[in-house]
Amino acid sequence: MSEKKMKKKKSWFKRLFSKTPTVPVLRFTGPIGMATPLNPGISLANTADMIERAFEDKKAKAVAVVINSPGGSPVQSMLIYKRLRALAEENEKKIYVFTEDVAASGGYFIACAGDEIYADPSSIIGSIGVIAAGFGFDKAIEKLGVERRVYTAGEKKLTLDSFQPENPDDIARLKELQKDIHKTFKEVVTTSRGEKLTEDDLFTGEFWTGTKAVELGLIDGLSDVRTKMRELFGSEVELELIKAKKGLFGRSSPQGVMAQLTGATPAQLTNQLISSIEERALWSRFGL
């Protein structure tokens, strides 16, 4: 048996017979569902294994989740939220969520999986809404004398195409979709926070500091993971960060990432650049 495996086995036995309280910690950082070679983003695919392992320790007092995310995919937010709640109920464990710089939009959606939510006084919390953004290039290609040729089967296949003039029917359809997604988001928040919410008009997409979020009932208090866990379970509590397994779902070393980028096609490099700009725009909305 290798030295590494021996250490891992000893560590497992130590935790098994130790009377020291432990709390597994999950950390979700970055945009949700936006995958690039440099950042795989937050999705159920690359967090499911960590989430499962966080609930495996039957002796653990609770599970802590640390979130620092400006949002992203509503689908991935829901999938992660549901997996956390399902495992919490199956294992009869409480989830304590701690937000860092920002837990907005999808980031706050995931935070609602917590039985209790805490933040820093200067954390950005909220943005309970749905947004879609893009660019219109139809006038630009007209000035350049570019003729675009697209052939479709299905009259709505070109809906919201960036190279076509805006169509009022397309905008109306998009807004209906956004209403449905927004409704789901509001239901999750009201189910999670219930009577803790002190105002009705919290679903406009507005966001607040951690201090104000406490007043509004969006979070339960101001604290960080170490301080709160020591307060609840004693000064001897051990926080165990659950990490992704090496090589899981394409996670790479810096050298591996550079190799991917060096061998990438111009189209792949362009997609990487666009994704990076979109990610930067998500963070910059909150002054980060």
C-alpha atoms as a PDB file:
ATOM      1  CA  MET A   1       0.000   0.000   0.000  1.00  0.00           C
ATOM      2  CA  SER A   2       1.367   3.419  -0.951  1.00  0.00           C
ATOM      3  CA  GLU A   3       2.259   6.003   1.684  1.00  0.00           C
ATOM      4  CA  LYS A   4      -0.506   8.255   0.398  1.00  0.00           C
ATOM      5  CA  LYS A   5      -3.140   5.524   0.801  1.00  0.00           C
ATOM      6  CA  MET A   6      -1.802   4.660   4.269  1.00  0.00           C
ATOM      7  CA  LYS A   7      -2.187   8.275   5.387  1.00  0.00           C
ATOM      8  CA  LYS A   8      -5.699   8.394   3.964  1.00  0.00           C
ATOM      9  CA  LYS A   9      -6.639   5.183   5.794  1.00  0.00           C
ATOM     10  CA  LYS A  10      -5.209   6.468   9.089  1.00  0.00           C
ATOM     11  CA  SER A  11      -7.088   9.723   8.628  1.00  0.00           C
ATOM     12  CA  TRP A  12     -10.331   7.774   8.086  1.00  0.00           C
ATOM     13  CA  PHE A  13      -9.780   5.708  11.270  1.00  0.00           C
ATOM     14  CA  LYS A  14      -8.936   8.859  13.197  1.00  0.00           C
ATOM     15  CA  ARG A  15     -12.203  10.496  12.164  1.00  0.00           C
ATOM     16  CA  LEU A  16     -14.150   7.292  12.893  1.00  0.00           C
ATOM     17  CA  PHE A  17     -13.061   7.046  16.533  1.00  0.00           C
ATOM     18  CA  SER A  18     -12.493  10.716  17.274  1.00  0.00           C
ATOM     19  CA  LYS A  19     -14.898  12.504  19.581  1.00  0.00           C
ATOM     20  CA  THR A  20     -14.008  15.861  18.059  1.00  0.00           C
ATOM     21  CA  PRO A  21     -17.044  17.283  16.223  1.00  0.00           C
ATOM     22  CA  THR A  22     -16.563  17.715  12.473  1.00  0.00           C
ATOM     23  CA  VAL A  23     -18.409  19.716   9.844  1.00  0.00           C
ATOM     24  CA  PRO A  24     -17.863  19.049   6.110  1.00  0.00           C
ATOM     25  CA  VAL A  25     -17.561  22.263   4.092  1.00  0.00           C
ATOM     26  CA  LEU A  26     -18.612  22.657   0.451  1.00  0.00           C
ATOM     27  CA  ARG A  27     -17.314  25.687  -1.457  1.00  0.00           C
ATOM     28  CA  PHE A  28     -19.089  26.953  -4.585  1.00  0.00           C
ATOM     29  CA  THR A  29     -17.191  29.759  -6.297  1.00  0.00           C
ATOM     30  CA  GLY A  30     -17.817  31.416  -9.659  1.00  0.00           C
ATOM     31  CA  PRO A  31     -20.607  31.719 -12.216  1.00  0.00           C
ATOM     32  CA  ILE A  32     -23.158  28.916 -12.415  1.00  0.00           C
ATOM     33  CA  GLY A  33     -23.240  26.792 -15.546  1.00  0.00           C
ATOM     34  CA  MET A  34     -20.705  28.889 -17.510  1.00  0.00           C
ATOM     35  CA  ALA A  35     -17.916  26.470 -18.420  1.00  0.00           C
ATOM     36  CA  THR A  36     -14.610  27.508 -20.000  1.00  0.00           C
ATOM     37  CA  PRO A  37     -11.180  25.805 -20.168  1.00  0.00           C
ATOM     38  CA  LEU A  38      -9.947  28.110 -17.408  1.00  0.00           C
ATOM     39  CA  ASN A  39     -13.021  27.777 -15.207  1.00  0.00           C
ATOM     40  CA  PRO A  40     -15.440  24.824 -15.286  1.00  0.00           C
ATOM     41  CA  GLY A  41     -18.153  26.887 -13.597  1.00  0.00           C
ATOM     42  CA  ILE A  42     -20.582  25.585 -10.995  1.00  0.00           C
ATOM     43  CA  SER A  43     -22.867  22.777 -12.163  1.00  0.00           C
ATOM     44  CA  LEU A  44     -24.366  19.642 -10.708  1.00  0.00           C
ATOM     45  CA  ALA A  45     -22.053  17.559 -12.921  1.00  0.00           C
ATOM     46  CA  ASN A  46     -18.889  18.908 -11.283  1.00  0.00           C
ATOM     47  CA  THR A  47     -20.265  19.236  -7.735  1.00  0.00           C
ATOM     48  CA  ALA A  48     -22.441  16.111  -7.314  1.00  0.00           C
ATOM     49  CA  ASP A  49     -19.569  13.938  -6.075  1.00  0.00           C
ATOM     50  CA  MET A  50     -18.495  16.549  -3.504  1.00  0.00           C
ATOM     51  CA  ILE A  51     -22.071  17.036  -2.308  1.00  0.00           C
ATOM     52  CA  GLU A  52     -22.550  13.274  -1.846  1.00  0.00           C
ATOM     53  CA  ARG A  53     -19.286  12.953   0.097  1.00  0.00           C
ATOM     54  CA  ALA A  54     -20.196  15.876   2.358  1.00  0.00           C
ATOM     55  CA  PHE A  55     -23.196  13.920   3.646  1.00  0.00           C
ATOM     56  CA  GLU A  56     -21.426  10.539   3.959  1.00  0.00           C
ATOM     57  CA  ASP A  57     -19.988  11.186   7.427  1.00  0.00           C
ATOM     58  CA  LYS A  58     -22.773  10.041   9.762  1.00  0.00           C
ATOM     59  CA  LYS A  59     -21.017  11.600  12.739  1.00  0.00           C
ATOM     60  CA  ALA A  60     -20.801  15.058  11.204  1.00  0.00           C
ATOM     61  CA  LYS A  61     -22.848  17.607  13.095  1.00  0.00           C
ATOM     62  CA  ALA A  62     -24.033  19.457   9.979  1.00  0.00           C
ATOM     63  CA  VAL A  63     -22.906  20.470   6.502  1.00  0.00           C
ATOM     64  CA  ALA A  64     -21.624  23.971   5.762  1.00  0.00           C
ATOM     65  CA  VAL A  65     -21.849  25.529   2.303  1.00  0.00           C
ATOM     66  CA  VAL A  66     -19.766  28.573   1.351  1.00  0.00           C
ATOM     67  CA  ILE A  67     -21.013  30.487  -1.704  1.00  0.00           C
ATOM     68  CA  ASN A  68     -19.361  33.224  -3.728  1.00  0.00           C
ATOM     69  CA  SER A  69     -21.321  33.502  -6.978  1.00  0.00           C
ATOM     70  CA  PRO A  70     -22.938  36.247  -9.069  1.00  0.00           C
ATOM     71  CA  GLY A  71     -25.380  33.751 -10.569  1.00  0.00           C
ATOM     72  CA  GLY A  72     -25.849  32.086 -13.932  1.00  0.00           C
ATOM     73  CA  SER A  73     -27.892  29.110 -15.106  1.00  0.00           C
ATOM     74  CA  PRO A  74     -31.296  28.786 -13.371  1.00  0.00           C
ATOM     75  CA  VAL A  75     -31.399  25.082 -14.270  1.00  0.00           C
ATOM     76  CA  GLN A  76     -28.048  24.266 -12.628  1.00  0.00           C
ATOM     77  CA  SER A  77     -29.023  26.403  -9.625  1.00  0.00           C
ATOM     78  CA  MET A  78     -32.211  24.370  -9.189  1.00  0.00           C
ATOM     79  CA  LEU A  79     -30.430  21.025  -9.647  1.00  0.00           C
ATOM     80  CA  ILE A  80     -27.843  21.847  -6.980  1.00  0.00           C
ATOM     81  CA  TYR A  81     -30.505  23.277  -4.647  1.00  0.00           C
ATOM     82  CA  LYS A  82     -32.621  20.109  -4.963  1.00  0.00           C
ATOM     83  CA  ARG A  83     -29.653  17.773  -4.438  1.00  0.00           C
ATOM     84  CA  LEU A  84     -28.592  19.608  -1.275  1.00  0.00           C
ATOM     85  CA  ARG A  85     -32.129  19.594   0.155  1.00  0.00           C
ATOM     86  CA  ALA A  86     -32.696  15.923  -0.724  1.00  0.00           C
ATOM     87  CA  LEU A  87     -29.495  14.769   0.986  1.00  0.00           C
ATOM     88  CA  ALA A  88     -30.135  17.000   4.008  1.00  0.00           C
ATOM     89  CA  GLU A  89     -33.540  15.405   4.502  1.00  0.00           C
ATOM     90  CA  GLU A  90     -32.319  11.852   3.820  1.00  0.00           C
ATOM     91  CA  ASN A  91     -29.480  12.192   6.327  1.00  0.00           C
ATOM     92  CA  GLU A  92     -31.360  14.428   8.788  1.00  0.00           C
ATOM     93  CA  LYS A  93     -28.639  17.058   8.774  1.00  0.00           C
ATOM     94  CA  LYS A  94     -28.924  20.831   8.824  1.00  0.00           C
ATOM     95  CA  ILE A  95     -27.250  22.917   6.142  1.00  0.00           C
ATOM     96  CA  TYR A  96     -25.631  26.203   7.129  1.00  0.00           C
ATOM     97  CA  VAL A  97     -24.865  28.533   4.222  1.00  0.00           C
ATOM     98  CA  PHE A  98     -22.250  31.285   4.335  1.00  0.00           C
ATOM     99  CA  THR A  99     -21.927  33.858   1.582  1.00  0.00           C
ATOM    100  CA  GLU A 100     -18.708  35.682   0.809  1.00  0.00           C
ATOM    101  CA  ASP A 101     -18.502  38.635  -1.624  1.00  0.00           C
ATOM    102  CA  VAL A 102     -21.766  37.884  -3.376  1.00  0.00           C
ATOM    103  CA  ALA A 103     -24.672  35.433  -3.410  1.00  0.00           C
ATOM    104  CA  ALA A 104     -26.854  36.937  -6.111  1.00  0.00           C
ATOM    105  CA  SER A 105     -29.398  35.543  -8.542  1.00  0.00           C
ATOM    106  CA  GLY A 106     -28.491  31.845  -8.959  1.00  0.00           C
ATOM    107  CA  GLY A 107     -25.984  32.180  -6.117  1.00  0.00           C
ATOM    108  CA  TYR A 108     -28.801  33.178  -3.761  1.00  0.00           C
ATOM    109  CA  PHE A 109     -31.000  30.456  -5.293  1.00  0.00           C
ATOM    110  CA  ILE A 110     -28.470  27.831  -4.116  1.00  0.00           C
ATOM    111  CA  ALA A 111     -28.124  29.602  -0.751  1.00  0.00           C
ATOM    112  CA  CYS A 112     -31.826  28.971  -0.168  1.00  0.00           C
ATOM    113  CA  ALA A 113     -30.966  25.284   0.271  1.00  0.00           C
ATOM    114  CA  GLY A 114     -29.631  26.252   3.696  1.00  0.00           C
ATOM    115  CA  ASP A 115     -31.640  25.883   6.885  1.00  0.00           C
ATOM    116  CA  GLU A 116     -29.840  29.050   7.926  1.00  0.00           C
ATOM    117  CA  ILE A 117     -27.971  31.621   5.816  1.00  0.00           C
ATOM    118  CA  TYR A 118     -25.204  33.944   7.045  1.00  0.00           C
ATOM    119  CA  ALA A 119     -23.189  36.654   5.336  1.00  0.00           C
ATOM    120  CA  ASP A 120     -20.604  39.358   5.877  1.00  0.00           C
ATOM    121  CA  PRO A 121     -22.050  42.851   6.509  1.00  0.00           C
ATOM    122  CA  SER A 122     -20.668  43.924   3.099  1.00  0.00           C
ATOM    123  CA  SER A 123     -21.769  40.835   1.151  1.00  0.00           C
ATOM    124  CA  ILE A 124     -24.098  41.435  -1.801  1.00  0.00           C
ATOM    125  CA  ILE A 125     -27.322  39.450  -1.433  1.00  0.00           C
ATOM    126  CA  GLY A 126     -30.428  39.062  -3.596  1.00  0.00           C
ATOM    127  CA  SER A 127     -30.965  39.929  -7.270  1.00  0.00           C
ATOM    128  CA  ILE A 128     -34.032  37.675  -7.332  1.00  0.00           C
ATOM    129  CA  GLY A 129     -34.894  38.039 -10.979  1.00  0.00           C
ATOM    130  CA  VAL A 130     -34.157  36.788 -14.486  1.00  0.00           C
ATOM    131  CA  ILE A 131     -32.050  38.502 -17.135  1.00  0.00           C
ATOM    132  CA  ALA A 132     -31.272  37.869 -20.794  1.00  0.00           C
ATOM    133  CA  ALA A 133     -28.783  39.996 -22.709  1.00  0.00           C
ATOM    134  CA  GLY A 134     -27.175  40.063 -26.111  1.00  0.00           C
ATOM    135  CA  PHE A 135     -26.079  42.255 -29.039  1.00  0.00           C
ATOM    136  CA  GLY A 136     -27.681  43.261 -32.310  1.00  0.00           C
ATOM    137  CA  PHE A 137     -25.396  43.104 -35.361  1.00  0.00           C
ATOM    138  CA  ASP A 138     -27.933  43.582 -38.157  1.00  0.00           C
ATOM    139  CA  LYS A 139     -27.034  47.245 -38.791  1.00  0.00           C
ATOM    140  CA  ALA A 140     -23.301  46.520 -38.562  1.00  0.00           C
ATOM    141  CA  ILE A 141     -23.318  43.807 -41.222  1.00  0.00           C
ATOM    142  CA  GLU A 142     -25.529  45.983 -43.428  1.00  0.00           C
ATOM    143  CA  LYS A 143     -22.934  48.794 -43.311  1.00  0.00           C
ATOM    144  CA  LEU A 144     -20.163  46.323 -44.044  1.00  0.00           C
ATOM    145  CA  GLY A 145     -22.057  44.983 -47.015  1.00  0.00           C
ATOM    146  CA  VAL A 146     -22.224  41.474 -45.561  1.00  0.00           C
ATOM    147  CA  GLU A 147     -25.050  39.228 -46.702  1.00  0.00           C
ATOM    148  CA  ARG A 148     -25.958  36.538 -44.169  1.00  0.00           C
ATOM    149  CA  ARG A 149     -27.568  33.357 -45.464  1.00  0.00           C
ATOM    150  CA  VAL A 150     -29.488  31.127 -43.053  1.00  0.00           C
ATOM    151  CA  TYR A 151     -31.786  28.237 -43.945  1.00  0.00           C
ATOM    152  CA  THR A 152     -34.193  26.765 -41.388  1.00  0.00           C
ATOM    153  CA  ALA A 153     -37.044  24.314 -41.040  1.00  0.00           C
ATOM    154  CA  GLY A 154     -39.440  25.848 -38.542  1.00  0.00           C
ATOM    155  CA  GLU A 155     -40.613  29.444 -38.708  1.00  0.00           C
ATOM    156  CA  LYS A 156     -39.432  30.289 -35.174  1.00  0.00           C
ATOM    157  CA  LYS A 157     -35.973  28.776 -35.505  1.00  0.00           C
ATOM    158  CA  LEU A 158     -34.389  32.228 -35.920  1.00  0.00           C
ATOM    159  CA  THR A 159     -36.014  33.636 -32.788  1.00  0.00           C
ATOM    160  CA  LEU A 160     -33.775  36.282 -31.137  1.00  0.00           C
ATOM    161  CA  ASP A 161     -31.104  35.904 -33.804  1.00  0.00           C
ATOM    162  CA  SER A 162     -28.449  38.603 -33.222  1.00  0.00           C
ATOM    163  CA  PHE A 163     -28.078  39.282 -36.955  1.00  0.00           C
ATOM    164  CA  GLN A 164     -31.781  39.978 -37.519  1.00  0.00           C
ATOM    165  CA  PRO A 165     -33.720  43.121 -36.524  1.00  0.00           C
ATOM    166  CA  GLU A 166     -35.595  42.764 -33.250  1.00  0.00           C
ATOM    167  CA  ASN A 167     -38.994  41.144 -33.622  1.00  0.00           C
ATOM    168  CA  PRO A 168     -41.694  42.235 -31.119  1.00  0.00           C
ATOM    169  CA  ASP A 169     -43.168  38.718 -31.136  1.00  0.00           C
ATOM    170  CA  ASP A 170     -39.770  37.265 -30.154  1.00  0.00           C
ATOM    171  CA  ILE A 171     -39.444  39.732 -27.271  1.00  0.00           C
ATOM    172  CA  ALA A 172     -42.950  38.891 -26.024  1.00  0.00           C
ATOM    173  CA  ARG A 173     -42.114  35.174 -26.132  1.00  0.00           C
ATOM    174  CA  LEU A 174     -38.852  35.728 -24.238  1.00  0.00           C
ATOM    175  CA  LYS A 175     -40.632  37.701 -21.533  1.00  0.00           C
ATOM    176  CA  GLU A 176     -43.140  34.867 -21.054  1.00  0.00           C
ATOM    177  CA  LEU A 177     -40.270  32.427 -20.556  1.00  0.00           C
ATOM    178  CA  GLN A 178     -38.655  34.799 -18.069  1.00  0.00           C
ATOM    179  CA  LYS A 179     -41.909  35.074 -16.113  1.00  0.00           C
ATOM    180  CA  ASP A 180     -42.066  31.291 -15.745  1.00  0.00           C
ATOM    181  CA  ILE A 181     -38.454  31.095 -14.535  1.00  0.00           C
ATOM    182  CA  HIS A 182     -38.962  34.054 -12.194  1.00  0.00           C
ATOM    183  CA  LYS A 183     -42.047  32.388 -10.725  1.00  0.00           C
ATOM    184  CA  THR A 184     -40.023  29.272  -9.895  1.00  0.00           C
ATOM    185  CA  PHE A 185     -37.294  31.400  -8.295  1.00  0.00           C
ATOM    186  CA  LYS A 186     -39.839  33.246  -6.130  1.00  0.00           C
ATOM    187  CA  GLU A 187     -41.418  29.956  -5.036  1.00  0.00           C
ATOM    188  CA  VAL A 188     -38.038  28.608  -3.919  1.00  0.00           C
ATOM    189  CA  VAL A 189     -37.276  31.761  -1.923  1.00  0.00           C
ATOM    190  CA  THR A 190     -40.683  31.897  -0.224  1.00  0.00           C
ATOM    191  CA  THR A 191     -40.555  28.172   0.571  1.00  0.00           C
ATOM    192  CA  SER A 192     -37.068  28.501   2.039  1.00  0.00           C
ATOM    193  CA  ARG A 193     -37.443  31.774   3.925  1.00  0.00           C
ATOM    194  CA  GLY A 194     -41.188  31.669   4.663  1.00  0.00           C
ATOM    195  CA  GLU A 195     -42.300  34.019   7.423  1.00  0.00           C
ATOM    196  CA  LYS A 196     -38.739  35.291   7.867  1.00  0.00           C
ATOM    197  CA  LEU A 197     -39.268  37.645   4.907  1.00  0.00           C
ATOM    198  CA  THR A 198     -40.284  41.069   6.211  1.00  0.00           C
ATOM    199  CA  GLU A 199     -41.377  42.619   2.898  1.00  0.00           C
ATOM    200  CA  ASP A 200     -43.333  41.424  -0.128  1.00  0.00           C
ATOM    201  CA  ASP A 201     -41.501  43.398  -2.796  1.00  0.00           C
ATOM    202  CA  LEU A 202     -38.197  41.522  -2.750  1.00  0.00           C
ATOM    203  CA  PHE A 203     -38.394  39.952  -6.207  1.00  0.00           C
ATOM    204  CA  THR A 204     -37.592  42.926  -8.437  1.00  0.00           C
ATOM    205  CA  GLY A 205     -33.972  41.937  -9.129  1.00  0.00           C
ATOM    206  CA  GLU A 206     -32.689  44.441  -6.562  1.00  0.00           C
ATOM    207  CA  PHE A 207     -29.779  43.457  -4.318  1.00  0.00           C
ATOM    208  CA  TRP A 208     -28.658  44.528  -0.854  1.00  0.00           C
ATOM    209  CA  THR A 209     -25.761  44.362   1.591  1.00  0.00           C
ATOM    210  CA  GLY A 210     -25.623  41.598   4.160  1.00  0.00           C
ATOM    211  CA  THR A 211     -26.661  44.048   6.873  1.00  0.00           C
ATOM    212  CA  LYS A 212     -29.839  45.038   4.992  1.00  0.00           C
ATOM    213  CA  ALA A 213     -30.511  41.430   3.965  1.00  0.00           C
ATOM    214  CA  VAL A 214     -30.827  40.495   7.662  1.00  0.00           C
ATOM    215  CA  GLU A 215     -33.510  43.161   8.107  1.00  0.00           C
ATOM    216  CA  LEU A 216     -35.375  41.889   5.039  1.00  0.00           C
ATOM    217  CA  GLY A 217     -35.228  38.280   6.211  1.00  0.00           C
ATOM    218  CA  LEU A 218     -33.217  37.102   3.229  1.00  0.00           C
ATOM    219  CA  ILE A 219     -30.517  35.810   5.582  1.00  0.00           C
ATOM    220  CA  ASP A 220     -30.419  34.882   9.268  1.00  0.00           C
ATOM    221  CA  GLY A 221     -27.418  36.800  10.513  1.00  0.00           C
ATOM    222  CA  LEU A 222     -23.915  38.149  10.039  1.00  0.00           C
ATOM    223  CA  SER A 223     -21.116  35.636  10.529  1.00  0.00           C
ATOM    224  CA  ASP A 224     -18.526  33.458   8.774  1.00  0.00           C
ATOM    225  CA  VAL A 225     -18.238  29.687   8.651  1.00  0.00           C
ATOM    226  CA  ARG A 226     -15.490  29.278  11.284  1.00  0.00           C
ATOM    227  CA  THR A 227     -17.030  31.663  13.802  1.00  0.00           C
ATOM    228  CA  LYS A 228     -20.536  30.221  13.499  1.00  0.00           C
ATOM    229  CA  MET A 229     -19.479  26.572  13.596  1.00  0.00           C
ATOM    230  CA  ARG A 230     -17.376  27.195  16.710  1.00  0.00           C
ATOM    231  CA  GLU A 231     -20.314  29.024  18.259  1.00  0.00           C
ATOM    232  CA  LEU A 232     -22.660  26.100  17.562  1.00  0.00           C
ATOM    233  CA  PHE A 233     -20.403  23.076  18.075  1.00  0.00           C
ATOM    234  CA  GLY A 234     -17.575  24.307  20.298  1.00  0.00           C
ATOM    235  CA  SER A 235     -14.071  25.628  19.781  1.00  0.00           C
ATOM    236  CA  GLU A 236     -12.707  22.148  18.986  1.00  0.00           C
ATOM    237  CA  VAL A 237     -14.888  21.660  15.918  1.00  0.00           C
ATOM    238  CA  GLU A 238     -12.960  20.613  12.794  1.00  0.00           C
ATOM    239  CA  LEU A 239     -13.966  22.030   9.414  1.00  0.00           C
ATOM    240  CA  GLU A 240     -13.260  19.548   6.619  1.00  0.00           C
ATOM    241  CA  LEU A 241     -13.162  21.104   3.146  1.00  0.00           C
ATOM    242  CA  ILE A 242     -14.575  18.672   0.582  1.00  0.00           C
ATOM    243  CA  LYS A 243     -12.517  18.950  -2.601  1.00  0.00           C
ATOM    244  CA  ALA A 244     -13.200  17.752  -6.130  1.00  0.00           C
ATOM    245  CA  LYS A 245     -11.361  14.595  -7.080  1.00  0.00           C
ATOM    246  CA  LYS A 246      -8.361  15.125  -9.357  1.00  0.00           C
ATOM    247  CA  GLY A 247      -9.207  14.877 -13.012  1.00  0.00           C
ATOM    248  CA  LEU A 248     -12.948  15.010 -12.329  1.00  0.00           C
ATOM    249  CA  PHE A 249     -14.954  16.235 -15.344  1.00  0.00           C
ATOM    250  CA  GLY A 250     -12.005  17.729 -17.137  1.00  0.00           C
ATOM    251  CA  ARG A 251     -10.457  19.700 -14.285  1.00  0.00           C
ATOM    252  CA  SER A 252      -6.861  20.269 -15.322  1.00  0.00           C
ATOM    253  CA  SER A 253      -3.537  21.472 -14.016  1.00  0.00           C
ATOM    254  CA  PRO A 254      -2.357  24.905 -15.212  1.00  0.00           C
ATOM    255  CA  GLN A 255      -0.062  23.098 -17.652  1.00  0.00           C
ATOM    256  CA  GLY A 256      -2.996  21.056 -18.957  1.00  0.00           C
ATOM    257  CA  VAL A 257      -5.104  24.165 -19.400  1.00  0.00           C
ATOM    258  CA  MET A 258      -2.317  25.877 -21.341  1.00  0.00           C
ATOM    259  CA  ALA A 259      -2.001  22.812 -23.552  1.00  0.00           C
ATOM    260  CA  GLN A 260      -5.737  22.963 -24.255  1.00  0.00           C
ATOM    261  CA  LEU A 261      -5.551  26.639 -25.135  1.00  0.00           C
ATOM    262  CA  THR A 262      -2.374  26.278 -27.211  1.00  0.00           C
ATOM    263  CA  GLY A 263      -3.974  23.544 -29.302  1.00  0.00           C
ATOM    264  CA  ALA A 264      -7.358  25.258 -29.514  1.00  0.00           C
ATOM    265  CA  THR A 265      -8.913  26.346 -32.779  1.00  0.00           C
ATOM    266  CA  PRO A 266      -9.608  30.059 -33.409  1.00  0.00           C
ATOM    267  CA  ALA A 267     -13.308  29.376 -32.793  1.00  0.00           C
ATOM    268  CA  GLN A 268     -12.544  27.735 -29.425  1.00  0.00           C
ATOM    269  CA  LEU A 269     -10.310  30.646 -28.420  1.00  0.00           C
ATOM    270  CA  THR A 270     -13.041  33.080 -29.427  1.00  0.00           C
ATOM    271  CA  ASN A 271     -15.585  31.183 -27.315  1.00  0.00           C
ATOM    272  CA  GLN A 272     -13.158  31.276 -24.381  1.00  0.00           C
ATOM    273  CA  LEU A 273     -12.767  35.034 -24.777  1.00  0.00           C
ATOM    274  CA  ILE A 274     -16.519  35.632 -25.008  1.00  0.00           C
ATOM    275  CA  SER A 275     -17.176  33.427 -21.971  1.00  0.00           C
ATOM    276  CA  SER A 276     -14.521  35.293 -19.995  1.00  0.00           C
ATOM    277  CA  ILE A 277     -16.099  38.641 -20.919  1.00  0.00           C
ATOM    278  CA  GLU A 278     -19.551  37.369 -19.906  1.00  0.00           C
ATOM    279  CA  GLU A 279     -18.150  36.094 -16.609  1.00  0.00           C
ATOM    280  CA  ARG A 280     -16.427  39.417 -15.958  1.00  0.00           C
ATOM    281  CA  ALA A 281     -19.699  41.231 -16.702  1.00  0.00           C
ATOM    282  CA  LEU A 282     -21.564  39.074 -14.174  1.00  0.00           C
ATOM    283  CA  TRP A 283     -19.138  39.971 -11.392  1.00  0.00           C
ATOM    284  CA  SER A 284     -18.894  43.651 -12.365  1.00  0.00           C
ATOM    285  CA  ARG A 285     -22.653  44.140 -11.875  1.00  0.00           C
ATOM    286  CA  PHE A 286     -21.950  43.887  -8.161  1.00  0.00           C
ATOM    287  CA  GLY A 287     -18.822  46.051  -8.139  1.00  0.00           C
ATOM    288  CA  LEU A 288     -16.449  43.071  -8.063  1.00  0.00           C
END
